[in-house]
Protein backbone atom coordinates (compact mmCIF):
# COMPACT_ATOMS: atom_id res chain seq x y z
CA UNK A 1 140.07 -98.35 123.09
CA UNK A 2 142.66 -100.84 121.86
CA UNK A 3 143.55 -104.20 123.34
CA UNK A 4 147.20 -105.08 123.63
CA UNK A 5 148.10 -107.63 120.95
CA UNK A 6 149.08 -110.46 123.32
CA UNK A 7 149.09 -114.02 121.99
CA UNK A 8 149.79 -115.69 125.36
CA UNK A 9 146.41 -116.47 127.05
CA UNK A 10 148.13 -116.72 130.45
CA UNK A 11 149.17 -113.07 130.42
CA UNK A 12 146.71 -110.37 131.53
CA UNK A 13 144.76 -108.44 128.95
CA UNK A 14 145.67 -104.76 128.92
CA UNK A 15 143.75 -101.94 127.28
CA UNK A 16 144.55 -98.47 125.94
CA UNK A 17 141.63 -96.06 126.32
CA UNK A 18 141.17 -92.48 125.10
CA UNK A 19 139.92 -90.41 128.04
CA UNK A 20 138.00 -87.13 127.65
CA UNK A 21 137.84 -87.51 123.90
CA UNK A 22 137.53 -84.41 121.71
CA UNK A 23 138.67 -82.04 124.47
CA UNK A 24 141.77 -80.04 125.39
CA UNK A 25 142.29 -82.42 128.34
CA UNK A 26 142.50 -85.64 126.35
CA UNK A 27 144.71 -88.40 127.70
CA UNK A 28 145.32 -92.11 127.14
CA UNK A 29 144.77 -94.46 130.07
CA UNK A 30 146.29 -97.93 130.51
CA UNK A 31 144.13 -100.59 132.18
CA UNK A 32 144.54 -104.27 132.99
CA UNK A 33 141.82 -106.92 133.17
CA UNK A 34 142.50 -109.28 136.04
CA UNK A 35 142.49 -113.04 135.44
CA UNK A 36 139.02 -113.38 136.93
CA UNK A 37 137.74 -110.95 134.29
CA UNK A 38 135.65 -109.12 136.86
CA UNK A 39 137.93 -106.23 137.75
CA UNK A 40 139.56 -103.47 135.72
CA UNK A 41 142.72 -101.99 137.25
CA UNK A 42 144.18 -98.62 136.21
CA UNK A 43 147.95 -98.82 135.58
CA UNK A 44 149.08 -95.56 134.01
CA UNK A 45 148.01 -92.23 132.49
CA UNK A 46 149.79 -91.12 129.30
CA UNK A 47 149.72 -87.41 128.47
CA UNK A 48 151.47 -85.17 125.97
CA UNK A 49 151.11 -81.51 124.89
CA UNK A 50 149.88 -82.78 121.50
CA UNK A 51 147.02 -84.72 123.07
CA UNK A 52 144.06 -82.50 122.24
CA UNK A 53 140.73 -83.54 120.72
CA UNK A 54 141.77 -87.19 120.69
CA UNK A 55 139.25 -89.71 119.37
CA UNK A 56 140.33 -93.21 118.28
CA UNK A 57 143.59 -95.09 118.68
CA UNK A 58 145.32 -98.26 117.52
CA UNK A 59 148.31 -100.06 119.00
CA UNK A 60 151.55 -100.49 117.04
CA UNK A 61 152.40 -104.21 117.40
CA UNK A 62 156.01 -103.61 116.27
CA UNK A 63 157.29 -101.35 119.05
CA UNK A 64 156.91 -101.67 122.81
CA UNK A 65 158.24 -99.89 125.87
CA UNK A 66 161.46 -101.19 127.44
CA UNK A 67 159.87 -101.65 130.88
CA UNK A 68 159.50 -105.41 131.32
CA UNK A 69 157.03 -105.07 134.20
CA UNK A 70 154.63 -102.99 132.13
CA UNK A 71 155.22 -103.46 128.40
CA UNK A 72 153.06 -100.87 126.62
CA UNK A 73 152.88 -100.71 122.82
CA UNK A 74 153.45 -97.49 120.93
CA UNK A 75 150.25 -96.29 119.28
CA UNK A 76 148.63 -93.95 116.80
CA UNK A 77 145.79 -91.75 117.99
CA UNK A 78 143.70 -89.48 115.75
CA UNK A 79 142.21 -86.09 116.54
CA UNK A 80 138.54 -85.65 115.82
CA UNK A 81 139.20 -81.96 115.08
CA UNK A 82 142.35 -79.98 114.54
CA UNK A 83 141.18 -76.94 116.53
CA UNK A 84 140.01 -76.85 120.11
CA UNK A 85 136.53 -75.71 121.15
CA UNK A 86 137.75 -73.64 124.10
CA UNK A 87 141.11 -72.30 122.91
CA UNK A 88 140.21 -71.63 119.24
CA UNK A 89 136.40 -71.69 118.98
CA UNK A 90 136.28 -69.55 115.83
CA UNK A 91 138.67 -71.80 113.92
CA UNK A 92 136.80 -74.84 115.21
CA UNK A 93 133.55 -73.34 113.87
CA UNK A 94 135.02 -72.83 110.39
CA UNK A 95 136.64 -76.26 110.49
CA UNK A 96 133.14 -77.75 110.78
CA UNK A 97 131.38 -75.22 108.56
CA UNK A 98 133.84 -75.42 105.67
CA UNK A 99 134.87 -79.04 106.15
CA UNK A 100 138.52 -78.15 106.61
CA UNK A 101 141.02 -81.03 106.85
CA UNK A 102 142.84 -79.83 109.95
CA UNK A 103 143.10 -82.96 112.14
CA UNK A 104 146.21 -85.12 112.51
CA UNK A 105 147.20 -88.61 113.60
CA UNK A 106 149.75 -88.60 116.41
CA UNK A 107 152.27 -91.37 117.00
CA UNK A 108 153.15 -91.91 120.66
CA UNK A 109 156.54 -93.57 121.06
CA UNK A 110 156.38 -95.43 124.38
CA UNK A 111 160.14 -96.18 124.73
CA UNK A 112 160.92 -92.48 124.13
CA UNK A 113 157.81 -91.33 126.06
CA UNK A 114 157.12 -88.61 123.53
CA UNK A 115 154.76 -87.98 120.63
CA UNK A 116 154.78 -86.39 117.20
CA UNK A 117 152.19 -85.94 114.46
CA UNK A 118 152.98 -87.95 111.35
CA UNK A 119 149.68 -87.89 109.40
CA UNK A 120 148.23 -84.50 108.51
CA UNK A 121 145.16 -82.91 106.84
CA UNK A 122 142.73 -85.57 108.01
CA UNK A 123 139.05 -84.69 107.67
CA UNK A 124 137.28 -85.47 110.97
CA UNK A 125 138.92 -88.90 111.31
CA UNK A 126 136.54 -91.36 112.95
CA UNK A 127 138.66 -94.51 112.97
CA UNK A 128 142.23 -95.80 112.76
CA UNK A 129 143.46 -99.39 112.78
CA UNK A 130 146.63 -101.37 112.04
CA UNK A 131 146.17 -104.35 109.72
CA UNK A 132 147.50 -107.13 111.96
CA UNK A 133 146.50 -109.72 109.32
CA UNK A 134 149.13 -108.40 106.92
CA UNK A 135 152.46 -110.12 107.62
CA UNK A 136 154.57 -106.96 108.10
CA UNK A 137 151.89 -105.30 110.30
CA UNK A 138 152.86 -101.89 108.91
CA UNK A 139 149.70 -100.95 107.04
CA UNK A 140 147.57 -98.35 108.83
CA UNK A 141 143.99 -97.53 107.79
CA UNK A 142 142.43 -94.14 108.63
CA UNK A 143 138.71 -93.46 108.19
CA UNK A 144 137.72 -89.84 107.48
CA UNK A 145 134.09 -89.12 108.28
CA UNK A 146 134.39 -85.60 106.85
CA UNK A 147 135.34 -86.78 103.36
CA UNK A 148 133.77 -90.23 103.45
CA UNK A 149 137.05 -91.95 102.64
CA UNK A 150 139.38 -94.60 104.03
CA UNK A 151 143.08 -94.00 103.51
CA UNK A 152 145.86 -96.61 103.57
CA UNK A 153 149.24 -95.51 104.91
CA UNK A 154 152.36 -97.61 105.27
CA UNK A 155 154.57 -97.36 108.34
CA UNK A 156 158.05 -97.73 106.87
CA UNK A 157 161.72 -96.94 107.34
CA UNK A 158 163.06 -94.47 104.81
CA UNK A 159 166.16 -93.18 106.61
CA UNK A 160 167.70 -95.44 109.30
CA UNK A 161 170.03 -92.60 110.36
CA UNK A 162 167.15 -90.25 111.16
CA UNK A 163 164.45 -92.67 112.29
CA UNK A 164 166.36 -95.13 114.50
CA UNK A 165 167.50 -93.77 117.86
CA UNK A 166 168.79 -95.10 121.19
CA UNK A 167 166.91 -93.92 124.26
CA UNK A 168 167.04 -94.55 127.99
CA UNK A 169 163.92 -95.72 129.80
CA UNK A 170 163.25 -93.11 132.50
CA UNK A 171 161.82 -95.71 134.89
CA UNK A 172 164.30 -98.59 134.51
CA UNK A 173 167.46 -96.89 133.20
CA UNK A 174 167.67 -99.46 130.38
CA UNK A 175 168.85 -98.49 126.91
CA UNK A 176 166.80 -99.51 123.90
CA UNK A 177 166.52 -98.77 120.21
CA UNK A 178 163.38 -97.02 119.01
CA UNK A 179 162.13 -95.92 115.63
CA UNK A 180 159.91 -93.09 114.43
CA UNK A 181 157.73 -94.30 111.54
CA UNK A 182 157.59 -92.51 108.23
CA UNK A 183 154.04 -92.77 106.88
CA UNK A 184 153.68 -93.20 103.12
CA UNK A 185 150.20 -92.77 101.59
CA UNK A 186 149.31 -95.74 99.41
CA UNK A 187 145.68 -95.50 98.43
CA UNK A 188 142.22 -94.12 99.26
CA UNK A 189 138.74 -95.56 98.91
CA UNK A 190 135.46 -93.64 99.02
CA UNK A 191 132.10 -94.82 100.31
CA UNK A 192 129.37 -92.92 98.51
CA UNK A 193 126.28 -94.46 100.09
CA UNK A 194 126.82 -93.20 103.65
CA UNK A 195 129.70 -90.74 103.66
CA UNK A 196 129.84 -90.04 107.40
CA UNK A 197 130.72 -91.75 110.64
CA UNK A 198 133.07 -94.46 109.42
CA UNK A 199 134.59 -96.96 111.86
CA UNK A 200 136.88 -99.87 110.99
CA UNK A 201 137.36 -103.49 112.05
CA UNK A 202 139.09 -106.36 110.28
CA UNK A 203 137.35 -109.59 109.39
CA UNK A 204 138.70 -113.07 108.55
CA UNK A 205 138.82 -113.62 104.81
CA UNK A 206 136.29 -116.42 104.38
CA UNK A 207 135.36 -115.46 100.81
CA UNK A 208 138.43 -117.26 99.38
CA UNK A 209 138.80 -114.54 96.77
CA UNK A 210 141.86 -115.11 94.56
CA UNK A 211 144.72 -112.85 95.58
CA UNK A 212 142.88 -111.31 98.53
CA UNK A 213 144.58 -110.77 101.87
CA UNK A 214 142.39 -109.13 104.52
CA UNK A 215 138.91 -107.71 104.65
CA UNK A 216 137.45 -105.06 106.89
CA UNK A 217 134.07 -103.90 107.98
CA UNK A 218 132.85 -100.30 108.05
CA UNK A 219 129.91 -99.02 110.10
CA UNK A 220 128.40 -95.89 108.60
CA UNK A 221 125.71 -94.07 110.58
CA UNK A 222 124.27 -90.78 109.44
CA UNK A 223 126.70 -88.66 111.39
CA UNK A 224 124.88 -85.34 111.34
CA UNK A 225 121.59 -86.92 112.34
CA UNK A 226 123.41 -88.35 115.34
CA UNK A 227 124.26 -84.81 116.41
CA UNK A 228 120.55 -84.02 116.58
CA UNK A 229 119.97 -87.22 118.57
CA UNK A 230 122.75 -86.23 120.97
CA UNK A 231 121.17 -82.82 121.55
CA UNK A 232 117.78 -84.43 122.08
CA UNK A 233 119.27 -86.93 124.56
CA UNK A 234 121.00 -84.16 126.49
CA UNK A 235 117.78 -82.17 126.66
CA UNK A 236 115.79 -85.15 127.90
CA UNK A 237 118.66 -86.41 130.07
CA UNK A 238 117.69 -89.82 128.74
CA UNK A 239 118.21 -91.99 125.66
CA UNK A 240 116.49 -90.40 122.68
CA UNK A 241 113.67 -92.24 120.94
CA UNK A 242 114.80 -90.87 117.59
CA UNK A 243 116.29 -93.35 115.12
CA UNK A 244 118.83 -93.27 112.32
CA UNK A 245 119.76 -96.42 110.43
CA UNK A 246 123.10 -98.20 110.45
CA UNK A 247 124.80 -99.80 107.46
CA UNK A 248 127.89 -101.99 107.44
CA UNK A 249 129.94 -102.62 104.33
CA UNK A 250 132.73 -105.05 103.59
CA UNK A 251 135.61 -104.36 101.19
CA UNK A 252 138.03 -106.71 99.48
CA UNK A 253 141.64 -105.62 98.93
CA UNK A 254 143.57 -107.55 96.26
CA UNK A 255 147.21 -108.58 96.45
CA UNK A 256 149.30 -108.17 93.30
CA UNK A 257 153.00 -108.27 92.60
CA UNK A 258 155.16 -105.53 91.17
CA UNK A 259 158.61 -106.75 90.12
CA UNK A 260 159.74 -103.57 88.36
CA UNK A 261 160.20 -101.60 91.61
CA UNK A 262 163.02 -102.83 93.84
CA UNK A 263 164.35 -100.90 96.80
CA UNK A 264 168.00 -101.37 97.73
CA UNK A 265 168.08 -100.86 101.49
CA UNK A 266 170.38 -102.15 104.25
CA UNK A 267 169.52 -105.76 105.10
CA UNK A 268 170.54 -105.41 108.75
CA UNK A 269 167.54 -103.16 109.48
CA UNK A 270 164.62 -105.53 109.94
CA UNK A 271 162.13 -102.64 109.83
CA UNK A 272 162.62 -102.22 106.09
CA UNK A 273 159.50 -103.65 104.38
CA UNK A 274 159.33 -105.74 101.22
CA UNK A 275 158.64 -103.11 98.58
CA UNK A 276 157.74 -105.69 95.93
CA UNK A 277 154.47 -106.60 97.59
CA UNK A 278 151.70 -104.11 96.83
CA UNK A 279 148.04 -104.26 97.84
CA UNK A 280 145.41 -102.69 95.57
CA UNK A 281 141.82 -102.05 96.58
CA UNK A 282 139.14 -103.96 94.75
CA UNK A 283 136.02 -102.07 93.68
CA UNK A 284 133.79 -104.51 95.61
CA UNK A 285 132.00 -102.97 98.60
CA UNK A 286 129.50 -105.52 99.81
CA UNK A 287 126.61 -104.44 102.05
CA UNK A 288 126.43 -107.02 104.86
CA UNK A 289 124.16 -105.24 107.35
CA UNK A 290 121.35 -102.79 106.69
CA UNK A 291 119.00 -101.35 109.29
CA UNK A 292 117.73 -98.42 107.29
CA UNK A 293 115.02 -97.20 109.64
CA UNK A 294 116.94 -97.85 112.85
CA UNK A 295 114.15 -100.05 114.24
CA UNK A 296 116.58 -102.77 115.34
CA UNK A 297 119.69 -100.71 116.03
CA UNK A 298 120.43 -97.11 115.25
CA UNK A 299 123.46 -94.90 114.78
CA UNK A 300 126.32 -97.35 115.33
CA UNK A 301 129.47 -95.49 116.34
CA UNK A 302 131.73 -98.53 116.93
CA UNK A 303 132.17 -101.94 115.36
CA UNK A 304 134.24 -104.94 116.44
CA UNK A 305 134.68 -108.50 115.18
CA UNK A 306 135.22 -111.69 117.16
CA UNK A 307 136.90 -114.17 114.83
CA UNK A 308 136.67 -117.03 117.34
CA UNK A 309 132.89 -116.68 117.55
CA UNK A 310 132.42 -115.38 113.98
CA UNK A 311 130.40 -112.48 115.38
CA UNK A 312 130.17 -108.78 114.59
CA UNK A 313 129.44 -106.39 117.46
CA UNK A 314 127.91 -102.95 116.92
CA UNK A 315 127.80 -100.30 119.64
CA UNK A 316 126.00 -96.97 119.56
CA UNK A 317 126.58 -93.89 121.67
CA UNK A 318 122.83 -93.45 122.17
CA UNK A 319 121.77 -97.08 122.50
CA UNK A 320 121.06 -98.83 125.79
CA UNK A 321 122.92 -101.96 124.74
CA UNK A 322 125.00 -103.56 121.99
CA UNK A 323 124.00 -105.59 118.94
CA UNK A 324 125.71 -108.93 118.21
CA UNK A 325 125.34 -110.34 114.68
CA UNK A 326 126.48 -113.69 113.27
CA UNK A 327 128.65 -113.40 110.17
């Protein structure tokens, strides 16, 4: 799920949720949390022919629907697999067996109410997140559990003529300008200790490292052991008593300046990023949580960070609760 990036505390919190993940009937649901915080109200179902085997999503804070009554952000959503279990079971089998990079990330354009894939050859992507700490908010991180890597892509405007379009909102009749992002691969980082089951969440940068911008946390369970736990849980129709440890790492990107590369692009298009600012990944990957035997918490599949409370929250698909850690 992804929370809408509202800054006004008086407005209701809305949530995007992937429904029926990793199936041919995947959809994205829009919910609203009422002011009392005790009731979740369903607002809309978003579907598209490309929505198959969906897994994780992240909201695009730069582009929203034109409908003023229900402003919904555009979003990226990744497929867990490129091939479907029911429609193409043989290709799905070889995708797993051979570790094929067949999944994609799909960008859903809410003003245009249509989707297109704009990141390809992902290897069982287990997480995607927009870096909202970075001032342009155009850096997108994708975690690949199949290859044990985290990729950085930049949402940018290469051709205003082809990427900027005027559309009419089907519900309100209003005209608005929309853009289709062009994703440029910047860098990749590999995590050798636990190469499977990566999930992402950003942390405040309290290390005061010179030149650093944002940090993120990565939860890495032993993915294939979790499959055995899932089978055991299904057989028992209960939570399995098997355990597999969870580790969480923290990485430190570094900000440097490159003055030799200048892009001459039209100033009137505010989507054009500053090409002089480049972020490089530092080699530091600090282990901040280690529960090797799973005695405290096992097989984390999701991680979140509360900056206000300085807490890290781990959730597991086969745990009866969640784990809250102080940072």
